[in-house]
Amino acid sequence: MQQEEIWDADAAQRYDTPGTGMFAPETLEPTVDRLAHLAGEGAALEFAIGTGRVAVPLARRGVPVTGIELSLPMVEQLRTKADAATIPVVIGDMATAAAPRALNTPGIPEAPGAPGAPGEYSLVYLVYNTISNLLTQAEQVECFRNAARHLTPGGRFVIELWVPELRKLPPGQTATVWRSDPDYVGLDTYDVLRQHVVSHHFRFDETERARLFRSPHRYIWPAELDLMAQLAGFALETRHADWGGAPFTAESRSHVSVYRIPPTR
């Protein structure tokens, strides 16, 4: 399935879980704190802005935020929280679409991103594993290059990404259960030859039926991510295990990596 088919109107309606999951204050507030600090006095661009989980509270902090998003239904859900004058969005692929200069004024259209000079941002960010929605290495490298095109000298590209859990796979097994609750089971099935994984989300209610949502991804090792960054002109500035700055170790299940364009090009 294409990404725009996966992130349809039904998925957009079910995406927001206010106060819980990835919308829980203990998850969201450190994310917004760190991004606001990294943006400084500049503007931020979010790749795959979705329903505005991060962009809306970041804009409330006074950071001008623009987004790129492939799914129209996700943007329609965002529009229930912030209008186009507050958070402009370009509809397009985060690996190729160009966002205009951030002006924090009305009139930036929600239309397919057209070629042209992109805006200059101090921060581009891509959260919650979304770079893995690009299913080839070439597309992921182009995502880095697109981030670089949008940044001012010295600007930063921030990626939040999980670490593949292949060490949990015994010989002959292709799936791992990464979460199991009374009302939810999450598991991943791996294709290690193509470096692909499909995430399966099973949700249960009081009936005997379960609702299933699946999404394909291409997983990336941290060292591979660093090489992609180098190809686009970035250098790794910091890597932590979470948004709060915990050390990244061999046991970390995810990381927040900050890449920086040199102050002079």
Protein backbone atom coordinates (compact mmCIF):
# COMPACT_ATOMS: atom_id res chain seq x y z
CA MET A 1 0.00 0.00 0.00
CA GLN A 2 1.03 3.58 -0.63
CA GLN A 3 1.52 5.81 2.42
CA GLU A 4 -1.40 8.06 1.43
CA GLU A 5 -3.63 4.96 1.39
CA ILE A 6 -2.47 3.93 4.86
CA TRP A 7 -2.95 7.35 6.41
CA ASP A 8 -6.55 7.72 5.23
CA ALA A 9 -9.53 9.45 6.86
CA ASP A 10 -10.12 6.56 9.25
CA ALA A 11 -6.50 6.53 10.40
CA ALA A 12 -6.53 10.30 10.83
CA GLN A 13 -9.66 10.16 12.98
CA ARG A 14 -8.13 7.50 15.24
CA TYR A 15 -4.63 8.99 15.39
CA ASP A 16 -5.10 11.47 18.22
CA THR A 17 -5.21 10.05 21.74
CA PRO A 18 -5.24 13.18 23.94
CA GLY A 19 -3.42 12.70 27.23
CA THR A 20 -2.32 9.13 26.55
CA GLY A 21 0.21 7.23 24.43
CA MET A 22 2.38 9.56 22.37
CA PHE A 23 0.11 12.44 23.44
CA ALA A 24 0.84 11.87 27.14
CA PRO A 25 2.37 14.96 28.81
CA GLU A 26 5.43 13.02 29.96
CA THR A 27 6.11 12.11 26.31
CA LEU A 28 5.07 15.29 24.52
CA GLU A 29 6.35 18.03 26.84
CA PRO A 30 10.06 17.02 26.75
CA THR A 31 9.80 16.79 22.94
CA VAL A 32 8.42 20.30 22.61
CA ASP A 33 10.87 21.68 25.20
CA ARG A 34 13.88 20.34 23.28
CA LEU A 35 12.64 21.45 19.87
CA ALA A 36 11.82 24.95 21.11
CA HIS A 37 15.33 25.22 22.53
CA LEU A 38 16.91 24.03 19.27
CA ALA A 39 14.80 26.38 17.13
CA GLY A 40 15.96 29.37 19.16
CA GLU A 41 14.81 32.60 17.53
CA GLY A 42 14.33 30.92 14.15
CA ALA A 43 11.52 29.07 12.40
CA ALA A 44 10.91 25.31 12.38
CA LEU A 45 9.82 22.97 9.61
CA GLU A 46 8.23 19.62 10.46
CA PHE A 47 8.46 16.79 7.95
CA ALA A 48 5.34 14.58 8.13
CA ILE A 49 3.51 17.04 10.37
CA GLY A 50 0.48 14.76 10.62
CA THR A 51 -2.31 16.00 12.88
CA GLY A 52 -0.04 18.50 14.62
CA ARG A 53 0.78 16.51 17.74
CA VAL A 54 4.09 18.36 18.09
CA ALA A 55 3.58 21.37 15.83
CA VAL A 56 0.56 22.78 17.67
CA PRO A 57 2.18 23.00 21.14
CA LEU A 58 5.45 24.15 19.56
CA ALA A 59 3.66 27.01 17.78
CA ARG A 60 2.03 27.95 21.09
CA ARG A 61 5.55 28.42 22.47
CA GLY A 62 6.03 31.17 19.88
CA VAL A 63 8.06 29.15 17.36
CA PRO A 64 6.87 29.75 13.76
CA VAL A 65 6.11 26.26 12.42
CA THR A 66 5.52 25.14 8.84
CA GLY A 67 4.77 21.56 7.82
CA ILE A 68 5.07 19.13 4.93
CA GLU A 69 2.55 16.29 4.87
CA LEU A 70 1.53 13.68 2.30
CA SER A 71 -1.89 12.82 3.77
CA LEU A 72 -4.75 15.28 3.24
CA PRO A 73 -6.92 13.61 5.93
CA MET A 74 -4.15 14.09 8.50
CA VAL A 75 -3.95 17.80 7.61
CA GLU A 76 -7.73 18.09 7.85
CA GLN A 77 -7.47 16.77 11.40
CA LEU A 78 -4.71 19.31 12.09
CA ARG A 79 -7.04 22.06 10.85
CA THR A 80 -9.43 21.35 13.74
CA LYS A 81 -6.64 22.66 16.02
CA ALA A 82 -4.82 25.35 14.00
CA ASP A 83 -5.62 27.23 10.80
CA ALA A 84 -3.37 27.72 7.79
CA ALA A 85 -2.33 31.17 8.95
CA THR A 86 -0.99 29.71 12.21
CA ILE A 87 0.65 26.56 10.82
CA PRO A 88 1.04 26.56 7.01
CA VAL A 89 1.29 23.12 5.40
CA VAL A 90 2.58 22.05 1.99
CA ILE A 91 1.00 18.85 0.71
CA GLY A 92 3.76 16.63 -0.62
CA ASP A 93 6.49 14.07 -0.04
CA MET A 94 8.94 15.03 2.70
CA ALA A 95 11.83 13.73 0.57
CA THR A 96 11.14 16.19 -2.26
CA ALA A 97 8.58 18.90 -1.41
CA ALA A 98 9.76 22.48 -0.93
CA ALA A 99 8.31 24.64 1.83
CA PRO A 100 8.24 28.42 1.36
CA ARG A 101 10.05 30.88 3.56
CA ALA A 102 8.43 30.96 6.99
CA LEU A 103 6.71 34.33 7.36
CA ASN A 104 4.08 33.50 9.97
CA THR A 105 1.50 35.24 7.79
CA PRO A 106 -1.60 34.01 5.94
CA GLY A 107 -1.57 33.07 2.30
CA ILE A 108 0.80 30.09 2.15
CA PRO A 109 -1.27 27.53 0.24
CA GLU A 110 -2.04 23.97 1.15
CA ALA A 111 -1.19 22.68 -2.30
CA PRO A 112 1.33 20.32 -3.85
CA GLY A 113 4.85 21.59 -3.18
CA ALA A 114 6.21 23.20 -6.34
CA PRO A 115 9.85 23.59 -7.30
CA GLY A 116 11.41 26.81 -6.17
CA ALA A 117 13.57 28.32 -3.51
CA PRO A 118 12.59 26.73 -0.19
CA GLY A 119 12.34 28.73 2.98
CA GLU A 120 15.23 29.15 5.36
CA TYR A 121 14.71 27.50 8.71
CA SER A 122 16.88 27.12 11.78
CA LEU A 123 15.33 23.72 12.52
CA VAL A 124 13.88 20.83 10.54
CA TYR A 125 12.55 17.92 12.59
CA LEU A 126 11.13 14.47 11.96
CA VAL A 127 9.68 12.68 14.98
CA TYR A 128 8.23 9.35 16.06
CA ASN A 129 10.10 7.11 13.60
CA THR A 130 8.52 8.73 10.55
CA ILE A 131 11.64 8.70 8.36
CA SER A 132 11.14 4.92 8.22
CA ASN A 133 7.91 5.49 6.26
CA LEU A 134 10.21 6.09 3.29
CA LEU A 135 10.73 2.53 2.10
CA THR A 136 14.03 2.79 0.21
CA GLN A 137 17.48 3.91 1.24
CA ALA A 138 17.56 6.35 -1.69
CA GLU A 139 14.38 8.09 -0.50
CA GLN A 140 15.74 8.33 3.04
CA VAL A 141 18.96 9.94 1.75
CA GLU A 142 16.86 12.40 -0.28
CA CYS A 143 14.98 13.28 2.90
CA PHE A 144 18.27 14.36 4.48
CA ARG A 145 19.13 16.38 1.39
CA ASN A 146 15.72 18.03 1.42
CA ALA A 147 16.23 19.00 5.06
CA ALA A 148 19.61 20.49 4.20
CA ARG A 149 18.07 22.59 1.41
CA HIS A 150 15.66 24.17 3.89
CA LEU A 151 18.20 25.04 6.60
CA THR A 152 20.21 28.16 7.20
CA PRO A 153 23.96 27.70 7.78
CA GLY A 154 24.35 26.21 11.23
CA GLY A 155 20.78 24.87 11.15
CA ARG A 156 19.82 21.53 12.67
CA PHE A 157 17.92 18.43 11.55
CA VAL A 158 16.45 16.36 14.39
CA ILE A 159 15.33 12.76 13.95
CA GLU A 160 13.59 10.55 16.51
CA LEU A 161 13.94 6.89 15.54
CA TRP A 162 13.72 3.44 17.06
CA VAL A 163 16.60 0.97 17.12
CA PRO A 164 15.79 -2.28 15.23
CA GLU A 165 15.25 -5.09 17.72
CA LEU A 166 16.86 -7.85 15.68
CA ARG A 167 18.72 -9.16 18.72
CA LYS A 168 15.35 -10.40 20.00
CA LEU A 169 14.87 -12.63 16.96
CA PRO A 170 15.93 -16.24 17.58
CA PRO A 171 16.91 -18.30 14.52
CA GLY A 172 13.93 -18.93 12.28
CA GLN A 173 11.68 -16.32 13.90
CA THR A 174 10.64 -13.18 12.04
CA ALA A 175 8.45 -11.32 14.56
CA THR A 176 8.84 -9.54 17.89
CA VAL A 177 6.13 -8.41 20.31
CA TRP A 178 7.18 -5.00 21.57
CA ARG A 179 4.13 -4.19 23.66
CA SER A 180 1.34 -6.22 25.23
CA ASP A 181 -1.50 -4.61 27.22
CA PRO A 182 -5.02 -5.85 28.06
CA ASP A 183 -6.45 -3.71 25.24
CA TYR A 184 -3.48 -3.58 22.85
CA VAL A 185 -0.80 -5.78 21.29
CA GLY A 186 1.97 -4.37 19.09
CA LEU A 187 4.28 -6.59 17.06
CA ASP A 188 6.75 -6.18 14.22
CA THR A 189 7.47 -8.64 11.41
CA TYR A 190 10.92 -8.35 9.83
CA ASP A 191 12.26 -8.91 6.34
CA VAL A 192 15.96 -8.73 7.13
CA LEU A 193 17.00 -9.15 3.48
CA ARG A 194 15.30 -5.91 2.40
CA GLN A 195 15.64 -4.21 5.80
CA HIS A 196 11.86 -3.89 5.97
CA VAL A 197 9.49 -4.24 8.89
CA VAL A 198 5.71 -4.19 9.13
CA SER A 199 4.23 -2.89 12.38
CA HIS A 200 0.96 -4.55 13.42
CA HIS A 201 -1.24 -2.77 15.96
CA PHE A 202 -4.07 -4.85 17.45
CA ARG A 203 -6.61 -2.98 19.56
CA PHE A 204 -9.31 -4.73 21.57
CA ASP A 205 -12.55 -3.51 23.10
CA GLU A 206 -15.33 -5.15 25.11
CA THR A 207 -16.41 -7.24 22.09
CA GLU A 208 -14.64 -10.33 20.75
CA ARG A 209 -13.34 -8.41 17.74
CA ALA A 210 -9.95 -6.75 17.33
CA ARG A 211 -9.11 -3.77 15.13
CA LEU A 212 -5.88 -4.10 13.15
CA PHE A 213 -3.76 -1.28 11.74
CA ARG A 214 -0.58 -2.10 9.79
CA SER A 215 2.17 0.12 8.45
CA PRO A 216 5.33 -0.78 6.47
CA HIS A 217 8.72 0.72 7.28
CA ARG A 218 12.37 0.53 6.31
CA TYR A 219 14.46 0.32 9.46
CA ILE A 220 17.75 2.20 9.75
CA TRP A 221 20.70 1.48 12.01
CA PRO A 222 22.19 4.54 13.77
CA ALA A 223 25.49 4.20 11.88
CA GLU A 224 23.63 4.07 8.57
CA LEU A 225 21.66 7.17 9.55
CA ASP A 226 24.92 8.99 10.27
CA LEU A 227 26.23 8.10 6.82
CA MET A 228 23.06 9.43 5.21
CA ALA A 229 23.62 12.65 7.12
CA GLN A 230 27.20 12.94 5.87
CA LEU A 231 26.05 12.49 2.27
CA ALA A 232 23.77 15.51 2.73
CA GLY A 233 26.44 17.68 4.37
CA PHE A 234 25.47 17.18 8.03
CA ALA A 235 27.57 16.26 11.04
CA LEU A 236 26.19 14.48 14.10
CA GLU A 237 26.01 16.97 16.97
CA THR A 238 24.33 14.92 19.72
CA ARG A 239 22.55 11.61 20.22
CA HIS A 240 20.50 10.72 23.27
CA ALA A 241 18.17 7.88 24.20
CA ASP A 242 15.20 10.22 24.65
CA TRP A 243 14.09 13.84 24.50
CA GLY A 244 15.14 14.39 28.10
CA GLY A 245 18.82 13.77 27.30
CA ALA A 246 19.34 10.27 28.72
CA PRO A 247 22.60 8.65 27.51
CA PHE A 248 22.36 6.53 24.37
CA THR A 249 23.70 3.02 25.09
CA ALA A 250 23.73 -0.41 23.50
CA GLU A 251 20.49 -1.15 25.36
CA SER A 252 18.60 1.94 24.16
CA ARG A 253 15.46 1.15 22.18
CA SER A 254 15.33 4.51 20.42
CA HIS A 255 17.33 7.68 19.94
CA VAL A 256 16.99 11.41 19.30
CA SER A 257 19.78 12.44 16.93
CA VAL A 258 20.63 16.07 16.18
CA TYR A 259 22.52 16.77 12.96
CA ARG A 260 23.94 20.16 12.06
CA ILE A 261 24.84 21.92 8.85
CA PRO A 262 28.21 23.73 9.16
CA PRO A 263 27.83 27.41 10.09
CA THR A 264 29.49 28.31 6.78
CA ARG A 265 28.99 26.39 3.54
